[in-house]
Amino acid sequence: AIATSIDALCIGFVYIDYSLINALIVFSCIGVITFIISSLTGIFGKSIGKYIEKWAGLVASIVFLTVGIKILLEGIM
């Protein structure tokens, strides 16, 4: 969440040099797309959670472990 906020702040600084109308259009598009994606992932997560409720801890552990190993390998290489 912090990385997303920093990214949004940087984008804001980039587009603030353009005209106000163009900046507002870009910011509105970013906001709408972010809202839609967040809503869809929430709905998807809720529906899939019903099926993997028993296995949620294991699935989360595997996902986090995989991401951690990927980051570690990228850092080493």
PDB file of N, CA and C in Angstrom:
ATOM      1  N   ALA A   1       0.827  -1.193   0.000  1.00  0.00           N
ATOM      2  CA  ALA A   1       0.000   0.000   0.000  1.00  0.00           C
ATOM      3  C   ALA A   1       0.867   1.251   0.000  1.00  0.00           C
ATOM      4  N   ILE A   2       1.965   1.199   0.747  1.00  0.00           N
ATOM      5  CA  ILE A   2       2.841   2.369   0.802  1.00  0.00           C
ATOM      6  C   ILE A   2       3.489   2.599  -0.558  1.00  0.00           C
ATOM      7  N   ALA A   3       3.924   1.526  -1.207  1.00  0.00           N
ATOM      8  CA  ALA A   3       4.550   1.665  -2.529  1.00  0.00           C
ATOM      9  C   ALA A   3       3.562   2.229  -3.543  1.00  0.00           C
ATOM     10  N   THR A   4       2.321   1.819  -3.464  1.00  0.00           N
ATOM     11  CA  THR A   4       1.304   2.341  -4.375  1.00  0.00           C
ATOM     12  C   THR A   4       1.072   3.820  -4.135  1.00  0.00           C
ATOM     13  N   SER A   5       1.052   4.227  -2.878  1.00  0.00           N
ATOM     14  CA  SER A   5       0.856   5.637  -2.555  1.00  0.00           C
ATOM     15  C   SER A   5       2.026   6.484  -3.039  1.00  0.00           C
ATOM     16  N   ILE A   6       3.234   5.983  -2.871  1.00  0.00           N
ATOM     17  CA  ILE A   6       4.408   6.715  -3.348  1.00  0.00           C
ATOM     18  C   ILE A   6       4.383   6.809  -4.868  1.00  0.00           C
ATOM     19  N   ASP A   7       3.992   5.722  -5.527  1.00  0.00           N
ATOM     20  CA  ASP A   7       3.885   5.718  -6.986  1.00  0.00           C
ATOM     21  C   ASP A   7       2.853   6.743  -7.447  1.00  0.00           C
ATOM     22  N   ALA A   8       1.720   6.785  -6.790  1.00  0.00           N
ATOM     23  CA  ALA A   8       0.675   7.748  -7.144  1.00  0.00           C
ATOM     24  C   ALA A   8       1.155   9.183  -6.925  1.00  0.00           C
ATOM     25  N   LEU A   9       1.905   9.408  -5.864  1.00  0.00           N
ATOM     26  CA  LEU A   9       2.448  10.738  -5.598  1.00  0.00           C
ATOM     27  C   LEU A   9       3.404  11.156  -6.710  1.00  0.00           C
ATOM     28  N   CYS A  10       4.257  10.244  -7.143  1.00  0.00           N
ATOM     29  CA  CYS A  10       5.203  10.544  -8.232  1.00  0.00           C
ATOM     30  C   CYS A  10       4.467  10.845  -9.529  1.00  0.00           C
ATOM     31  N   ILE A  11       3.449  10.083  -9.823  1.00  0.00           N
ATOM     32  CA  ILE A  11       2.650  10.336 -11.029  1.00  0.00           C
ATOM     33  C   ILE A  11       1.995  11.707 -10.931  1.00  0.00           C
ATOM     34  N   GLY A  12       1.534  12.052  -9.751  1.00  0.00           N
ATOM     35  CA  GLY A  12       0.944  13.370  -9.547  1.00  0.00           C
ATOM     36  C   GLY A  12       1.928  14.483  -9.833  1.00  0.00           C
ATOM     37  N   PHE A  13       3.155  14.336  -9.386  1.00  0.00           N
ATOM     38  CA  PHE A  13       4.176  15.348  -9.653  1.00  0.00           C
ATOM     39  C   PHE A  13       4.489  15.450 -11.144  1.00  0.00           C
ATOM     40  N   VAL A  14       4.454  14.330 -11.844  1.00  0.00           N
ATOM     41  CA  VAL A  14       4.743  14.345 -13.281  1.00  0.00           C
ATOM     42  C   VAL A  14       3.640  15.071 -14.039  1.00  0.00           C
ATOM     43  N   TYR A  15       2.394  14.776 -13.727  1.00  0.00           N
ATOM     44  CA  TYR A  15       1.283  15.333 -14.491  1.00  0.00           C
ATOM     45  C   TYR A  15       0.883  16.731 -14.050  1.00  0.00           C
ATOM     46  N   ILE A  16       1.390  17.214 -12.947  1.00  0.00           N
ATOM     47  CA  ILE A  16       1.012  18.550 -12.488  1.00  0.00           C
ATOM     48  C   ILE A  16       1.604  19.624 -13.402  1.00  0.00           C
ATOM     49  N   ASP A  17       2.644  19.266 -14.175  1.00  0.00           N
ATOM     50  CA  ASP A  17       3.230  20.221 -15.117  1.00  0.00           C
ATOM     51  C   ASP A  17       2.346  20.441 -16.339  1.00  0.00           C
ATOM     52  N   TYR A  18       1.440  19.514 -16.620  1.00  0.00           N
ATOM     53  CA  TYR A  18       0.537  19.670 -17.748  1.00  0.00           C
ATOM     54  C   TYR A  18      -0.606  20.596 -17.356  1.00  0.00           C
ATOM     55  N   SER A  19      -1.477  20.861 -18.298  1.00  0.00           N
ATOM     56  CA  SER A  19      -2.610  21.724 -17.987  1.00  0.00           C
ATOM     57  C   SER A  19      -3.510  21.059 -16.947  1.00  0.00           C
ATOM     58  N   LEU A  20      -4.260  21.861 -16.245  1.00  0.00           N
ATOM     59  CA  LEU A  20      -5.114  21.364 -15.167  1.00  0.00           C
ATOM     60  C   LEU A  20      -6.137  20.361 -15.686  1.00  0.00           C
ATOM     61  N   ILE A  21      -6.711  20.634 -16.842  1.00  0.00           N
ATOM     62  CA  ILE A  21      -7.722  19.731 -17.409  1.00  0.00           C
ATOM     63  C   ILE A  21      -7.107  18.369 -17.723  1.00  0.00           C
ATOM     64  N   ASN A  22      -5.941  18.363 -18.375  1.00  0.00           N
ATOM     65  CA  ASN A  22      -5.288  17.089 -18.697  1.00  0.00           C
ATOM     66  C   ASN A  22      -4.929  16.327 -17.429  1.00  0.00           C
ATOM     67  N   ALA A  23      -4.422  17.033 -16.429  1.00  0.00           N
ATOM     68  CA  ALA A  23      -4.060  16.383 -15.172  1.00  0.00           C
ATOM     69  C   ALA A  23      -5.295  15.783 -14.505  1.00  0.00           C
ATOM     70  N   LEU A  24      -6.399  16.509 -14.483  1.00  0.00           N
ATOM     71  CA  LEU A  24      -7.626  15.996 -13.863  1.00  0.00           C
ATOM     72  C   LEU A  24      -8.164  14.775 -14.607  1.00  0.00           C
ATOM     73  N   ILE A  25      -8.053  14.780 -15.927  1.00  0.00           N
ATOM     74  CA  ILE A  25      -8.500  13.620 -16.705  1.00  0.00           C
ATOM     75  C   ILE A  25      -7.660  12.397 -16.357  1.00  0.00           C
ATOM     76  N   VAL A  26      -6.345  12.581 -16.310  1.00  0.00           N
ATOM     77  CA  VAL A  26      -5.455  11.464 -15.983  1.00  0.00           C
ATOM     78  C   VAL A  26      -5.723  10.965 -14.570  1.00  0.00           C
ATOM     79  N   PHE A  27      -5.846  11.884 -13.608  1.00  0.00           N
ATOM     80  CA  PHE A  27      -6.094  11.480 -12.222  1.00  0.00           C
ATOM     81  C   PHE A  27      -7.434  10.770 -12.084  1.00  0.00           C
ATOM     82  N   SER A  28      -8.440  11.228 -12.821  1.00  0.00           N
ATOM     83  CA  SER A  28      -9.752  10.578 -12.777  1.00  0.00           C
ATOM     84  C   SER A  28      -9.679   9.163 -13.338  1.00  0.00           C
ATOM     85  N   CYS A  29      -8.975   9.002 -14.448  1.00  0.00           N
ATOM     86  CA  CYS A  29      -8.814   7.663 -15.036  1.00  0.00           C
ATOM     87  C   CYS A  29      -8.101   6.728 -14.072  1.00  0.00           C
ATOM     88  N   ILE A  30      -7.027   7.216 -13.458  1.00  0.00           N
ATOM     89  CA  ILE A  30      -6.287   6.394 -12.501  1.00  0.00           C
ATOM     90  C   ILE A  30      -7.187   6.007 -11.329  1.00  0.00           C
ATOM     91  N   GLY A  31      -7.947   6.958 -10.816  1.00  0.00           N
ATOM     92  CA  GLY A  31      -8.838   6.682  -9.688  1.00  0.00           C
ATOM     93  C   GLY A  31      -9.925   5.677 -10.029  1.00  0.00           C
ATOM     94  N   VAL A  32     -10.550   5.841 -11.184  1.00  0.00           N
ATOM     95  CA  VAL A  32     -11.627   4.937 -11.596  1.00  0.00           C
ATOM     96  C   VAL A  32     -11.089   3.525 -11.825  1.00  0.00           C
ATOM     97  N   ILE A  33      -9.962   3.419 -12.514  1.00  0.00           N
ATOM     98  CA  ILE A  33      -9.385   2.099 -12.785  1.00  0.00           C
ATOM     99  C   ILE A  33      -8.965   1.420 -11.485  1.00  0.00           C
ATOM    100  N   THR A  34      -8.358   2.181 -10.576  1.00  0.00           N
ATOM    101  CA  THR A  34      -7.960   1.620  -9.285  1.00  0.00           C
ATOM    102  C   THR A  34      -9.173   1.130  -8.507  1.00  0.00           C
ATOM    103  N   PHE A  35     -10.250   1.905  -8.515  1.00  0.00           N
ATOM    104  CA  PHE A  35     -11.473   1.502  -7.823  1.00  0.00           C
ATOM    105  C   PHE A  35     -12.052   0.224  -8.423  1.00  0.00           C
ATOM    106  N   ILE A  36     -12.101   0.159  -9.747  1.00  0.00           N
ATOM    107  CA  ILE A  36     -12.670  -1.018 -10.413  1.00  0.00           C
ATOM    108  C   ILE A  36     -11.841  -2.263 -10.117  1.00  0.00           C
ATOM    109  N   ILE A  37     -10.520  -2.147 -10.247  1.00  0.00           N
ATOM    110  CA  ILE A  37      -9.662  -3.309 -10.004  1.00  0.00           C
ATOM    111  C   ILE A  37      -9.751  -3.751  -8.548  1.00  0.00           C
ATOM    112  N   SER A  38      -9.754  -2.795  -7.621  1.00  0.00           N
ATOM    113  CA  SER A  38      -9.864  -3.146  -6.202  1.00  0.00           C
ATOM    114  C   SER A  38     -11.193  -3.832  -5.908  1.00  0.00           C
ATOM    115  N   SER A  39     -12.262  -3.324  -6.481  1.00  0.00           N
ATOM    116  CA  SER A  39     -13.580  -3.925  -6.265  1.00  0.00           C
ATOM    117  C   SER A  39     -13.648  -5.339  -6.835  1.00  0.00           C
ATOM    118  N   LEU A  40     -13.138  -5.506  -8.046  1.00  0.00           N
ATOM    119  CA  LEU A  40     -13.176  -6.831  -8.670  1.00  0.00           C
ATOM    120  C   LEU A  40     -12.339  -7.847  -7.903  1.00  0.00           C
ATOM    121  N   THR A  41     -11.162  -7.442  -7.434  1.00  0.00           N
ATOM    122  CA  THR A  41     -10.344  -8.386  -6.675  1.00  0.00           C
ATOM    123  C   THR A  41     -10.983  -8.715  -5.334  1.00  0.00           C
ATOM    124  N   GLY A  42     -11.678  -7.758  -4.744  1.00  0.00           N
ATOM    125  CA  GLY A  42     -12.395  -8.043  -3.503  1.00  0.00           C
ATOM    126  C   GLY A  42     -13.513  -9.046  -3.716  1.00  0.00           C
ATOM    127  N   ILE A  43     -14.267  -8.853  -4.780  1.00  0.00           N
ATOM    128  CA  ILE A  43     -15.356  -9.782  -5.107  1.00  0.00           C
ATOM    129  C   ILE A  43     -14.798 -11.162  -5.444  1.00  0.00           C
ATOM    130  N   PHE A  44     -13.731 -11.196  -6.244  1.00  0.00           N
ATOM    131  CA  PHE A  44     -13.108 -12.463  -6.622  1.00  0.00           C
ATOM    132  C   PHE A  44     -12.562 -13.182  -5.394  1.00  0.00           C
ATOM    133  N   GLY A  45     -11.896 -12.445  -4.525  1.00  0.00           N
ATOM    134  CA  GLY A  45     -11.345 -13.047  -3.316  1.00  0.00           C
ATOM    135  C   GLY A  45     -12.420 -13.595  -2.397  1.00  0.00           C
ATOM    136  N   LYS A  46     -13.527 -12.873  -2.302  1.00  0.00           N
ATOM    137  CA  LYS A  46     -14.625 -13.335  -1.452  1.00  0.00           C
ATOM    138  C   LYS A  46     -15.255 -14.609  -2.013  1.00  0.00           C
ATOM    139  N   SER A  47     -15.420 -14.661  -3.331  1.00  0.00           N
ATOM    140  CA  SER A  47     -16.048 -15.846  -3.921  1.00  0.00           C
ATOM    141  C   SER A  47     -15.118 -17.052  -3.885  1.00  0.00           C
ATOM    142  N   ILE A  48     -13.843 -16.834  -4.113  1.00  0.00           N
ATOM    143  CA  ILE A  48     -12.912 -17.966  -4.093  1.00  0.00           C
ATOM    144  C   ILE A  48     -12.615 -18.391  -2.659  1.00  0.00           C
ATOM    145  N   GLY A  49     -12.768 -17.469  -1.721  1.00  0.00           N
ATOM    146  CA  GLY A  49     -12.521 -17.790  -0.318  1.00  0.00           C
ATOM    147  C   GLY A  49     -13.472 -18.840   0.224  1.00  0.00           C
ATOM    148  N   LYS A  50     -14.666 -18.899  -0.326  1.00  0.00           N
ATOM    149  CA  LYS A  50     -15.636 -19.909   0.104  1.00  0.00           C
ATOM    150  C   LYS A  50     -15.139 -21.320  -0.190  1.00  0.00           C
ATOM    151  N   TYR A  51     -14.393 -21.459  -1.276  1.00  0.00           N
ATOM    152  CA  TYR A  51     -13.945 -22.780  -1.705  1.00  0.00           C
ATOM    153  C   TYR A  51     -12.625 -23.202  -1.069  1.00  0.00           C
ATOM    154  N   ILE A  52     -11.793 -22.250  -0.720  1.00  0.00           N
ATOM    155  CA  ILE A  52     -10.478 -22.608  -0.181  1.00  0.00           C
ATOM    156  C   ILE A  52     -10.317 -22.190   1.279  1.00  0.00           C
ATOM    157  N   GLU A  53     -11.431 -22.015   1.965  1.00  0.00           N
ATOM    158  CA  GLU A  53     -11.370 -21.568   3.357  1.00  0.00           C
ATOM    159  C   GLU A  53     -10.512 -22.493   4.215  1.00  0.00           C
ATOM    160  N   LYS A  54     -10.648 -23.792   4.015  1.00  0.00           N
ATOM    161  CA  LYS A  54      -9.873 -24.752   4.802  1.00  0.00           C
ATOM    162  C   LYS A  54      -8.385 -24.645   4.492  1.00  0.00           C
ATOM    163  N   TRP A  55      -8.073 -24.316   3.254  1.00  0.00           N
ATOM    164  CA  TRP A  55      -6.693 -24.329   2.786  1.00  0.00           C
ATOM    165  C   TRP A  55      -6.090 -22.925   2.691  1.00  0.00           C
ATOM    166  N   ALA A  56      -6.777 -21.921   3.185  1.00  0.00           N
ATOM    167  CA  ALA A  56      -6.330 -20.538   3.007  1.00  0.00           C
ATOM    168  C   ALA A  56      -4.940 -20.297   3.591  1.00  0.00           C
ATOM    169  N   GLY A  57      -4.671 -20.816   4.771  1.00  0.00           N
ATOM    170  CA  GLY A  57      -3.355 -20.633   5.383  1.00  0.00           C
ATOM    171  C   GLY A  57      -2.248 -21.254   4.564  1.00  0.00           C
ATOM    172  N   LEU A  58      -2.496 -22.447   4.070  1.00  0.00           N
ATOM    173  CA  LEU A  58      -1.495 -23.135   3.253  1.00  0.00           C
ATOM    174  C   LEU A  58      -1.279 -22.414   1.926  1.00  0.00           C
ATOM    175  N   VAL A  59      -2.363 -22.009   1.281  1.00  0.00           N
ATOM    176  CA  VAL A  59      -2.253 -21.303   0.006  1.00  0.00           C
ATOM    177  C   VAL A  59      -1.506 -19.986   0.192  1.00  0.00           C
ATOM    178  N   ALA A  60      -1.844 -19.240   1.234  1.00  0.00           N
ATOM    179  CA  ALA A  60      -1.156 -17.971   1.502  1.00  0.00           C
ATOM    180  C   ALA A  60       0.318 -18.198   1.782  1.00  0.00           C
ATOM    181  N   SER A  61       0.630 -19.229   2.541  1.00  0.00           N
ATOM    182  CA  SER A  61       2.034 -19.541   2.834  1.00  0.00           C
ATOM    183  C   SER A  61       2.807 -19.859   1.567  1.00  0.00           C
ATOM    184  N   ILE A  62       2.215 -20.640   0.696  1.00  0.00           N
ATOM    185  CA  ILE A  62       2.883 -20.994  -0.561  1.00  0.00           C
ATOM    186  C   ILE A  62       3.092 -19.756  -1.431  1.00  0.00           C
ATOM    187  N   VAL A  63       2.077 -18.909  -1.514  1.00  0.00           N
ATOM    188  CA  VAL A  63       2.200 -17.690  -2.319  1.00  0.00           C
ATOM    189  C   VAL A  63       3.295 -16.790  -1.762  1.00  0.00           C
ATOM    190  N   PHE A  64       3.275 -16.536  -0.448  1.00  0.00           N
ATOM    191  CA  PHE A  64       4.281 -15.661   0.155  1.00  0.00           C
ATOM    192  C   PHE A  64       5.680 -16.260   0.054  1.00  0.00           C
ATOM    193  N   LEU A  65       5.797 -17.550   0.234  1.00  0.00           N
ATOM    194  CA  LEU A  65       7.092 -18.210   0.117  1.00  0.00           C
ATOM    195  C   LEU A  65       7.623 -18.103  -1.310  1.00  0.00           C
ATOM    196  N   THR A  66       6.758 -18.309  -2.286  1.00  0.00           N
ATOM    197  CA  THR A  66       7.163 -18.195  -3.685  1.00  0.00           C
ATOM    198  C   THR A  66       7.623 -16.779  -4.017  1.00  0.00           C
ATOM    199  N   VAL A  67       6.866 -15.785  -3.578  1.00  0.00           N
ATOM    200  CA  VAL A  67       7.250 -14.395  -3.826  1.00  0.00           C
ATOM    201  C   VAL A  67       8.565 -14.070  -3.124  1.00  0.00           C
ATOM    202  N   GLY A  68       8.727 -14.533  -1.895  1.00  0.00           N
ATOM    203  CA  GLY A  68       9.964 -14.294  -1.157  1.00  0.00           C
ATOM    204  C   GLY A  68      11.172 -14.913  -1.830  1.00  0.00           C
ATOM    205  N   ILE A  69      11.030 -16.131  -2.309  1.00  0.00           N
ATOM    206  CA  ILE A  69      12.134 -16.797  -3.012  1.00  0.00           C
ATOM    207  C   ILE A  69      12.465 -16.058  -4.308  1.00  0.00           C
ATOM    208  N   LYS A  70      11.441 -15.616  -5.012  1.00  0.00           N
ATOM    209  CA  LYS A  70      11.660 -14.866  -6.252  1.00  0.00           C
ATOM    210  C   LYS A  70      12.437 -13.584  -5.968  1.00  0.00           C
ATOM    211  N   ILE A  71      12.033 -12.835  -4.944  1.00  0.00           N
ATOM    212  CA  ILE A  71      12.724 -11.595  -4.587  1.00  0.00           C
ATOM    213  C   ILE A  71      14.154 -11.886  -4.152  1.00  0.00           C
ATOM    214  N   LEU A  72      14.344 -12.937  -3.371  1.00  0.00           N
ATOM    215  CA  LEU A  72      15.683 -13.315  -2.925  1.00  0.00           C
ATOM    216  C   LEU A  72      16.580 -13.658  -4.110  1.00  0.00           C
ATOM    217  N   LEU A  73      16.067 -14.455  -5.043  1.00  0.00           N
ATOM    218  CA  LEU A  73      16.860 -14.832  -6.214  1.00  0.00           C
ATOM    219  C   LEU A  73      17.179 -13.628  -7.098  1.00  0.00           C
ATOM    220  N   GLU A  74      16.236 -12.707  -7.230  1.00  0.00           N
ATOM    221  CA  GLU A  74      16.504 -11.495  -8.008  1.00  0.00           C
ATOM    222  C   GLU A  74      17.581 -10.652  -7.339  1.00  0.00           C
ATOM    223  N   GLY A  75      17.582 -10.615  -6.015  1.00  0.00           N
ATOM    224  CA  GLY A  75      18.588  -9.852  -5.287  1.00  0.00           C
ATOM    225  C   GLY A  75      19.965 -10.474  -5.371  1.00  0.00           C
ATOM    226  N   ILE A  76      20.020 -11.792  -5.410  1.00  0.00           N
ATOM    227  CA  ILE A  76      21.302 -12.489  -5.478  1.00  0.00           C
ATOM    228  C   ILE A  76      21.903 -12.374  -6.876  1.00  0.00           C
ATOM    229  N   MET A  77      21.058 -12.486  -7.879  1.00  0.00           N
ATOM    230  CA  MET A  77      21.563 -12.492  -9.259  1.00  0.00           C
ATOM    231  C   MET A  77      21.639 -11.116  -9.760  1.00  0.00           C
TER     232      MET A  77
END
